[in-house]
Amino acid sequence: MTSAGSGLRFRLRRALRQSVEQHKQLRELAARLRRAIDDVDREATREGFRRYCEGVRAHFALEDTVLFPALHGLHPGQAADLERLGREHDGFLDALARLASLIEVEVAAFAAGYESLGAELAAHERREEEVVAVLTARSPAA
């Protein structure tokens, strides 16, 4: 095993552990935000959404700057799948920015948009986990 390959595997293992923990934290933030929406508490919704957006941005940064590049380095033939997931991140960040303005205008419209986006994010997470699972299964000691 080359030192570059060993380094990529180390980065991959670390990023995978962080990603799993971040997914858990994002689910907790989403649950708190849903409670604030259900309570029609605009201030708690605004703060919950701010925290959720920060969490999503941090999570996407980890994947886009560490996890996906490590996977790409170990499996260059899978670049298209990894790049697609990264492009989806950009689309989600744009959608989150658009949703932020709805909190001030209409909480019900925000709630509907957030639920729709949440479903899309969940589907993205499932696709991402499938790609990562297939690639890590091919990476010895990942």
N, C-alpha and C. Protein backbone atom coordinates (compact mmCIF):
# COMPACT_ATOMS: atom_id res chain seq x y z
N MET A 1 0.86 -1.18 0.00
CA MET A 1 0.00 0.00 0.00
C MET A 1 0.90 1.23 0.00
N THR A 2 0.62 2.17 -0.89
CA THR A 2 1.40 3.40 -0.94
C THR A 2 1.03 4.30 0.23
N SER A 3 1.95 5.23 0.54
CA SER A 3 1.63 6.15 1.63
C SER A 3 0.46 7.06 1.24
N ALA A 4 0.34 7.38 -0.05
CA ALA A 4 -0.80 8.19 -0.49
C ALA A 4 -2.10 7.42 -0.29
N GLY A 5 -2.11 6.15 -0.66
CA GLY A 5 -3.29 5.32 -0.46
C GLY A 5 -3.63 5.17 1.00
N SER A 6 -2.61 5.00 1.82
CA SER A 6 -2.82 4.88 3.26
C SER A 6 -3.39 6.18 3.82
N GLY A 7 -2.87 7.31 3.36
CA GLY A 7 -3.37 8.61 3.81
C GLY A 7 -4.82 8.83 3.40
N LEU A 8 -5.16 8.43 2.18
CA LEU A 8 -6.54 8.57 1.72
C LEU A 8 -7.47 7.70 2.55
N ARG A 9 -7.04 6.50 2.87
CA ARG A 9 -7.88 5.61 3.68
C ARG A 9 -8.08 6.17 5.09
N PHE A 10 -7.03 6.74 5.65
CA PHE A 10 -7.15 7.36 6.97
C PHE A 10 -8.15 8.52 6.92
N ARG A 11 -8.00 9.40 5.92
CA ARG A 11 -8.92 10.53 5.77
C ARG A 11 -10.34 10.04 5.56
N LEU A 12 -10.48 8.97 4.79
CA LEU A 12 -11.80 8.42 4.52
C LEU A 12 -12.44 7.89 5.80
N ARG A 13 -11.71 7.11 6.58
CA ARG A 13 -12.27 6.58 7.83
C ARG A 13 -12.69 7.71 8.77
N ARG A 14 -11.86 8.70 8.90
CA ARG A 14 -12.17 9.84 9.78
C ARG A 14 -13.39 10.60 9.27
N ALA A 15 -13.42 10.87 7.98
CA ALA A 15 -14.55 11.61 7.40
C ALA A 15 -15.85 10.82 7.53
N LEU A 16 -15.77 9.51 7.37
CA LEU A 16 -16.97 8.67 7.51
C LEU A 16 -17.52 8.75 8.93
N ARG A 17 -16.64 8.68 9.93
CA ARG A 17 -17.09 8.80 11.32
C ARG A 17 -17.74 10.16 11.57
N GLN A 18 -17.10 11.22 11.07
CA GLN A 18 -17.65 12.56 11.24
C GLN A 18 -18.98 12.71 10.52
N SER A 19 -19.07 12.15 9.34
CA SER A 19 -20.30 12.26 8.55
C SER A 19 -21.47 11.58 9.26
N VAL A 20 -21.23 10.41 9.81
CA VAL A 20 -22.28 9.69 10.54
C VAL A 20 -22.75 10.53 11.73
N GLU A 21 -21.81 11.09 12.46
CA GLU A 21 -22.17 11.93 13.62
C GLU A 21 -22.94 13.17 13.17
N GLN A 22 -22.52 13.78 12.07
CA GLN A 22 -23.22 14.96 11.57
C GLN A 22 -24.63 14.62 11.12
N HIS A 23 -24.82 13.47 10.48
CA HIS A 23 -26.17 13.07 10.09
C HIS A 23 -27.07 12.98 11.32
N LYS A 24 -26.55 12.41 12.39
CA LYS A 24 -27.31 12.31 13.63
C LYS A 24 -27.65 13.70 14.17
N GLN A 25 -26.68 14.58 14.19
CA GLN A 25 -26.91 15.95 14.68
C GLN A 25 -27.92 16.69 13.81
N LEU A 26 -27.85 16.50 12.50
CA LEU A 26 -28.80 17.16 11.60
C LEU A 26 -30.21 16.65 11.83
N ARG A 27 -30.36 15.37 12.08
CA ARG A 27 -31.71 14.84 12.39
C ARG A 27 -32.25 15.46 13.68
N GLU A 28 -31.38 15.64 14.68
CA GLU A 28 -31.81 16.27 15.93
C GLU A 28 -32.20 17.73 15.70
N LEU A 29 -31.40 18.45 14.92
CA LEU A 29 -31.73 19.85 14.61
C LEU A 29 -33.04 19.93 13.83
N ALA A 30 -33.24 19.01 12.91
CA ALA A 30 -34.48 19.00 12.11
C ALA A 30 -35.69 18.74 13.01
N ALA A 31 -35.54 17.85 13.98
CA ALA A 31 -36.65 17.54 14.89
C ALA A 31 -37.00 18.77 15.73
N ARG A 32 -35.99 19.47 16.22
CA ARG A 32 -36.24 20.70 17.00
C ARG A 32 -36.93 21.76 16.13
N LEU A 33 -36.47 21.88 14.90
CA LEU A 33 -37.06 22.86 13.99
C LEU A 33 -38.52 22.50 13.71
N ARG A 34 -38.81 21.24 13.50
CA ARG A 34 -40.19 20.83 13.25
C ARG A 34 -41.09 21.15 14.44
N ARG A 35 -40.57 20.97 15.66
CA ARG A 35 -41.36 21.33 16.85
C ARG A 35 -41.64 22.83 16.88
N ALA A 36 -40.66 23.64 16.54
CA ALA A 36 -40.86 25.09 16.52
C ALA A 36 -41.88 25.47 15.46
N ILE A 37 -41.82 24.83 14.31
CA ILE A 37 -42.79 25.09 13.24
C ILE A 37 -44.19 24.70 13.72
N ASP A 38 -44.30 23.52 14.31
CA ASP A 38 -45.61 23.05 14.80
C ASP A 38 -46.18 23.97 15.87
N ASP A 39 -45.30 24.56 16.69
CA ASP A 39 -45.74 25.49 17.74
C ASP A 39 -46.02 26.88 17.20
N VAL A 40 -45.78 27.07 15.90
CA VAL A 40 -45.95 28.37 15.24
C VAL A 40 -45.18 29.45 16.02
N ASP A 41 -43.98 29.11 16.39
CA ASP A 41 -43.09 30.03 17.11
C ASP A 41 -42.08 30.57 16.11
N ARG A 42 -42.35 31.77 15.61
CA ARG A 42 -41.52 32.35 14.54
C ARG A 42 -40.07 32.52 14.99
N GLU A 43 -39.85 32.99 16.21
CA GLU A 43 -38.47 33.21 16.67
C GLU A 43 -37.73 31.88 16.80
N ALA A 44 -38.36 30.88 17.41
CA ALA A 44 -37.72 29.57 17.54
C ALA A 44 -37.52 28.93 16.16
N THR A 45 -38.45 29.15 15.26
CA THR A 45 -38.32 28.63 13.89
C THR A 45 -37.13 29.30 13.20
N ARG A 46 -37.04 30.60 13.33
CA ARG A 46 -35.92 31.35 12.72
C ARG A 46 -34.58 30.84 13.26
N GLU A 47 -34.48 30.71 14.60
CA GLU A 47 -33.23 30.26 15.22
C GLU A 47 -32.95 28.79 14.87
N GLY A 48 -33.98 27.96 14.89
CA GLY A 48 -33.79 26.55 14.54
C GLY A 48 -33.34 26.38 13.10
N PHE A 49 -33.92 27.19 12.23
CA PHE A 49 -33.54 27.10 10.82
C PHE A 49 -32.12 27.60 10.62
N ARG A 50 -31.74 28.65 11.32
CA ARG A 50 -30.37 29.16 11.23
C ARG A 50 -29.37 28.06 11.64
N ARG A 51 -29.65 27.41 12.75
CA ARG A 51 -28.77 26.35 13.23
C ARG A 51 -28.75 25.17 12.25
N TYR A 52 -29.91 24.82 11.73
CA TYR A 52 -30.00 23.73 10.78
C TYR A 52 -29.16 24.05 9.53
N CYS A 53 -29.30 25.27 9.02
CA CYS A 53 -28.53 25.67 7.83
C CYS A 53 -27.03 25.62 8.10
N GLU A 54 -26.61 26.07 9.27
CA GLU A 54 -25.19 26.00 9.63
C GLU A 54 -24.72 24.56 9.64
N GLY A 55 -25.54 23.68 10.20
CA GLY A 55 -25.19 22.26 10.24
C GLY A 55 -25.09 21.65 8.86
N VAL A 56 -26.04 21.98 8.00
CA VAL A 56 -26.03 21.46 6.63
C VAL A 56 -24.79 21.96 5.90
N ARG A 57 -24.49 23.26 6.03
CA ARG A 57 -23.30 23.81 5.36
C ARG A 57 -22.03 23.11 5.84
N ALA A 58 -21.90 22.90 7.14
CA ALA A 58 -20.71 22.23 7.68
C ALA A 58 -20.63 20.79 7.18
N HIS A 59 -21.76 20.13 7.13
CA HIS A 59 -21.79 18.74 6.67
C HIS A 59 -21.40 18.65 5.18
N PHE A 60 -21.98 19.50 4.37
CA PHE A 60 -21.64 19.49 2.95
C PHE A 60 -20.17 19.83 2.75
N ALA A 61 -19.63 20.76 3.55
CA ALA A 61 -18.21 21.12 3.42
C ALA A 61 -17.34 19.91 3.71
N LEU A 62 -17.68 19.14 4.74
CA LEU A 62 -16.91 17.93 5.05
C LEU A 62 -16.95 16.96 3.87
N GLU A 63 -18.11 16.74 3.35
CA GLU A 63 -18.24 15.79 2.25
C GLU A 63 -17.53 16.29 0.99
N ASP A 64 -17.72 17.58 0.68
CA ASP A 64 -17.17 18.11 -0.56
C ASP A 64 -15.66 18.31 -0.52
N THR A 65 -15.10 18.56 0.66
CA THR A 65 -13.66 18.84 0.73
C THR A 65 -12.82 17.68 1.26
N VAL A 66 -13.45 16.70 1.93
CA VAL A 66 -12.68 15.59 2.48
C VAL A 66 -13.21 14.23 1.99
N LEU A 67 -14.48 13.95 2.28
CA LEU A 67 -15.01 12.61 1.99
C LEU A 67 -15.01 12.30 0.50
N PHE A 68 -15.64 13.15 -0.31
CA PHE A 68 -15.72 12.85 -1.74
C PHE A 68 -14.34 12.85 -2.41
N PRO A 69 -13.45 13.83 -2.09
CA PRO A 69 -12.11 13.75 -2.69
C PRO A 69 -11.35 12.47 -2.31
N ALA A 70 -11.49 12.02 -1.05
CA ALA A 70 -10.82 10.78 -0.65
C ALA A 70 -11.38 9.60 -1.44
N LEU A 71 -12.71 9.54 -1.56
CA LEU A 71 -13.32 8.47 -2.35
C LEU A 71 -12.89 8.54 -3.81
N HIS A 72 -12.82 9.76 -4.34
CA HIS A 72 -12.40 9.94 -5.73
C HIS A 72 -10.96 9.48 -5.91
N GLY A 73 -10.10 9.80 -4.93
CA GLY A 73 -8.71 9.38 -5.01
C GLY A 73 -8.56 7.87 -5.01
N LEU A 74 -9.40 7.19 -4.25
CA LEU A 74 -9.35 5.73 -4.20
C LEU A 74 -10.09 5.08 -5.35
N HIS A 75 -11.09 5.78 -5.90
CA HIS A 75 -11.94 5.23 -6.97
C HIS A 75 -12.19 6.29 -8.04
N PRO A 76 -11.17 6.64 -8.82
CA PRO A 76 -11.33 7.70 -9.81
C PRO A 76 -12.42 7.44 -10.84
N GLY A 77 -12.76 6.20 -11.06
CA GLY A 77 -13.81 5.87 -12.02
C GLY A 77 -15.20 6.26 -11.56
N GLN A 78 -15.34 6.63 -10.31
CA GLN A 78 -16.66 7.00 -9.76
C GLN A 78 -16.84 8.52 -9.67
N ALA A 79 -16.02 9.25 -10.38
CA ALA A 79 -16.07 10.71 -10.32
C ALA A 79 -17.46 11.26 -10.64
N ALA A 80 -18.13 10.70 -11.62
CA ALA A 80 -19.44 11.24 -12.03
C ALA A 80 -20.45 11.17 -10.89
N ASP A 81 -20.51 10.04 -10.19
CA ASP A 81 -21.45 9.92 -9.06
C ASP A 81 -21.12 10.91 -7.96
N LEU A 82 -19.84 11.04 -7.64
CA LEU A 82 -19.42 11.94 -6.57
C LEU A 82 -19.66 13.41 -6.96
N GLU A 83 -19.40 13.75 -8.20
CA GLU A 83 -19.64 15.11 -8.67
C GLU A 83 -21.13 15.44 -8.65
N ARG A 84 -21.96 14.47 -9.01
CA ARG A 84 -23.42 14.69 -8.98
C ARG A 84 -23.88 14.99 -7.56
N LEU A 85 -23.37 14.23 -6.59
CA LEU A 85 -23.74 14.48 -5.20
C LEU A 85 -23.29 15.88 -4.76
N GLY A 86 -22.12 16.30 -5.18
CA GLY A 86 -21.65 17.65 -4.86
C GLY A 86 -22.50 18.73 -5.49
N ARG A 87 -22.93 18.52 -6.74
CA ARG A 87 -23.82 19.49 -7.39
C ARG A 87 -25.16 19.58 -6.66
N GLU A 88 -25.64 18.43 -6.19
CA GLU A 88 -26.89 18.44 -5.42
C GLU A 88 -26.73 19.29 -4.16
N HIS A 89 -25.55 19.23 -3.54
CA HIS A 89 -25.30 20.06 -2.36
C HIS A 89 -25.52 21.53 -2.70
N ASP A 90 -24.97 21.96 -3.83
CA ASP A 90 -25.13 23.36 -4.23
C ASP A 90 -26.60 23.72 -4.39
N GLY A 91 -27.37 22.83 -4.99
CA GLY A 91 -28.80 23.08 -5.16
C GLY A 91 -29.53 23.17 -3.83
N PHE A 92 -29.17 22.32 -2.88
CA PHE A 92 -29.80 22.36 -1.56
C PHE A 92 -29.46 23.65 -0.83
N LEU A 93 -28.22 24.10 -0.95
CA LEU A 93 -27.84 25.35 -0.29
C LEU A 93 -28.62 26.53 -0.88
N ASP A 94 -28.80 26.52 -2.19
CA ASP A 94 -29.61 27.57 -2.82
C ASP A 94 -31.05 27.51 -2.32
N ALA A 95 -31.61 26.32 -2.22
CA ALA A 95 -32.99 26.16 -1.75
C ALA A 95 -33.13 26.62 -0.30
N LEU A 96 -32.16 26.32 0.53
CA LEU A 96 -32.20 26.77 1.93
C LEU A 96 -32.18 28.29 2.00
N ALA A 97 -31.37 28.92 1.16
CA ALA A 97 -31.32 30.39 1.14
C ALA A 97 -32.66 30.98 0.74
N ARG A 98 -33.33 30.36 -0.22
CA ARG A 98 -34.65 30.86 -0.64
C ARG A 98 -35.67 30.68 0.47
N LEU A 99 -35.58 29.57 1.19
CA LEU A 99 -36.53 29.31 2.28
C LEU A 99 -36.38 30.31 3.42
N ALA A 100 -35.18 30.78 3.66
CA ALA A 100 -34.93 31.69 4.78
C ALA A 100 -35.83 32.91 4.73
N SER A 101 -36.07 33.42 3.55
CA SER A 101 -36.90 34.63 3.43
C SER A 101 -38.37 34.35 3.72
N LEU A 102 -38.81 33.11 3.57
CA LEU A 102 -40.22 32.77 3.81
C LEU A 102 -40.59 32.81 5.29
N ILE A 103 -39.63 32.62 6.17
CA ILE A 103 -39.93 32.67 7.61
C ILE A 103 -40.53 34.03 7.95
N GLU A 104 -40.00 35.06 7.35
CA GLU A 104 -40.46 36.42 7.66
C GLU A 104 -41.81 36.72 7.02
N VAL A 105 -42.10 36.07 5.93
CA VAL A 105 -43.32 36.37 5.18
C VAL A 105 -44.49 35.50 5.63
N GLU A 106 -44.29 34.20 5.62
CA GLU A 106 -45.39 33.28 5.89
C GLU A 106 -44.84 31.96 6.43
N VAL A 107 -45.06 31.72 7.70
CA VAL A 107 -44.54 30.51 8.32
C VAL A 107 -45.13 29.26 7.67
N ALA A 108 -46.39 29.28 7.27
CA ALA A 108 -47.01 28.10 6.65
C ALA A 108 -46.32 27.78 5.32
N ALA A 109 -46.00 28.80 4.54
CA ALA A 109 -45.30 28.57 3.27
C ALA A 109 -43.89 28.05 3.53
N PHE A 110 -43.25 28.61 4.55
CA PHE A 110 -41.93 28.13 4.93
C PHE A 110 -42.01 26.65 5.32
N ALA A 111 -43.00 26.31 6.15
CA ALA A 111 -43.15 24.93 6.63
C ALA A 111 -43.34 23.97 5.47
N ALA A 112 -44.16 24.33 4.51
CA ALA A 112 -44.40 23.47 3.35
C ALA A 112 -43.12 23.31 2.53
N GLY A 113 -42.42 24.41 2.32
CA GLY A 113 -41.16 24.34 1.57
C GLY A 113 -40.11 23.54 2.30
N TYR A 114 -40.06 23.70 3.61
CA TYR A 114 -39.09 22.97 4.41
C TYR A 114 -39.37 21.47 4.38
N GLU A 115 -40.64 21.10 4.50
CA GLU A 115 -40.99 19.67 4.46
C GLU A 115 -40.62 19.06 3.11
N SER A 116 -40.89 19.78 2.04
CA SER A 116 -40.55 19.29 0.71
C SER A 116 -39.04 19.14 0.56
N LEU A 117 -38.32 20.15 1.00
CA LEU A 117 -36.86 20.10 0.91
C LEU A 117 -36.32 18.98 1.81
N GLY A 118 -36.93 18.80 2.97
CA GLY A 118 -36.51 17.72 3.86
C GLY A 118 -36.64 16.36 3.20
N ALA A 119 -37.70 16.16 2.45
CA ALA A 119 -37.89 14.88 1.75
C ALA A 119 -36.80 14.71 0.68
N GLU A 120 -36.48 15.79 -0.02
CA GLU A 120 -35.42 15.73 -1.04
C GLU A 120 -34.07 15.46 -0.40
N LEU A 121 -33.81 16.10 0.74
CA LEU A 121 -32.55 15.86 1.44
C LEU A 121 -32.44 14.42 1.93
N ALA A 122 -33.55 13.86 2.40
CA ALA A 122 -33.55 12.46 2.86
C ALA A 122 -33.25 11.52 1.69
N ALA A 123 -33.82 11.80 0.54
CA ALA A 123 -33.56 10.97 -0.65
C ALA A 123 -32.09 11.11 -1.07
N HIS A 124 -31.57 12.32 -1.00
CA HIS A 124 -30.16 12.57 -1.32
C HIS A 124 -29.26 11.78 -0.36
N GLU A 125 -29.60 11.82 0.92
CA GLU A 125 -28.80 11.11 1.92
C GLU A 125 -28.79 9.60 1.63
N ARG A 126 -29.93 9.06 1.24
CA ARG A 126 -29.98 7.63 0.91
C ARG A 126 -29.09 7.31 -0.30
N ARG A 127 -29.16 8.15 -1.35
CA ARG A 127 -28.31 7.93 -2.54
C ARG A 127 -26.83 8.03 -2.16
N GLU A 128 -26.54 9.03 -1.35
CA GLU A 128 -25.16 9.25 -0.92
C GLU A 128 -24.65 8.04 -0.12
N GLU A 129 -25.46 7.56 0.80
CA GLU A 129 -25.05 6.41 1.60
C GLU A 129 -24.85 5.17 0.74
N GLU A 130 -25.66 5.01 -0.31
CA GLU A 130 -25.49 3.88 -1.21
C GLU A 130 -24.15 3.97 -1.95
N VAL A 131 -23.86 5.15 -2.49
CA VAL A 131 -22.60 5.34 -3.22
C VAL A 131 -21.42 5.11 -2.28
N VAL A 132 -21.47 5.72 -1.10
CA VAL A 132 -20.38 5.59 -0.14
C VAL A 132 -20.21 4.13 0.30
N ALA A 133 -21.31 3.44 0.54
CA ALA A 133 -21.23 2.04 0.98
C ALA A 133 -20.57 1.16 -0.09
N VAL A 134 -20.95 1.37 -1.33
CA VAL A 134 -20.37 0.58 -2.42
C VAL A 134 -18.87 0.86 -2.52
N LEU A 135 -18.51 2.14 -2.47
CA LEU A 135 -17.09 2.49 -2.63
C LEU A 135 -16.25 2.07 -1.42
N THR A 136 -16.77 2.22 -0.22
CA THR A 136 -15.99 1.82 0.95
C THR A 136 -15.85 0.30 1.01
N ALA A 137 -16.82 -0.42 0.49
CA ALA A 137 -16.70 -1.88 0.45
C ALA A 137 -15.54 -2.29 -0.47
N ARG A 138 -15.25 -1.45 -1.42
CA ARG A 138 -14.14 -1.72 -2.35
C ARG A 138 -12.81 -1.21 -1.83
N SER A 139 -12.82 -0.49 -0.70
CA SER A 139 -11.61 0.12 -0.15
C SER A 139 -11.14 -0.68 1.06
N PRO A 140 -10.12 -1.50 0.91
CA PRO A 140 -9.63 -2.27 2.05
C PRO A 140 -9.28 -1.34 3.22
N ALA A 141 -9.68 -1.75 4.39
CA ALA A 141 -9.39 -1.03 5.64
C ALA A 141 -9.96 0.37 5.65
N ALA A 142 -11.10 0.59 4.95
CA ALA A 142 -11.72 1.92 4.95
C ALA A 142 -12.62 2.07 6.15
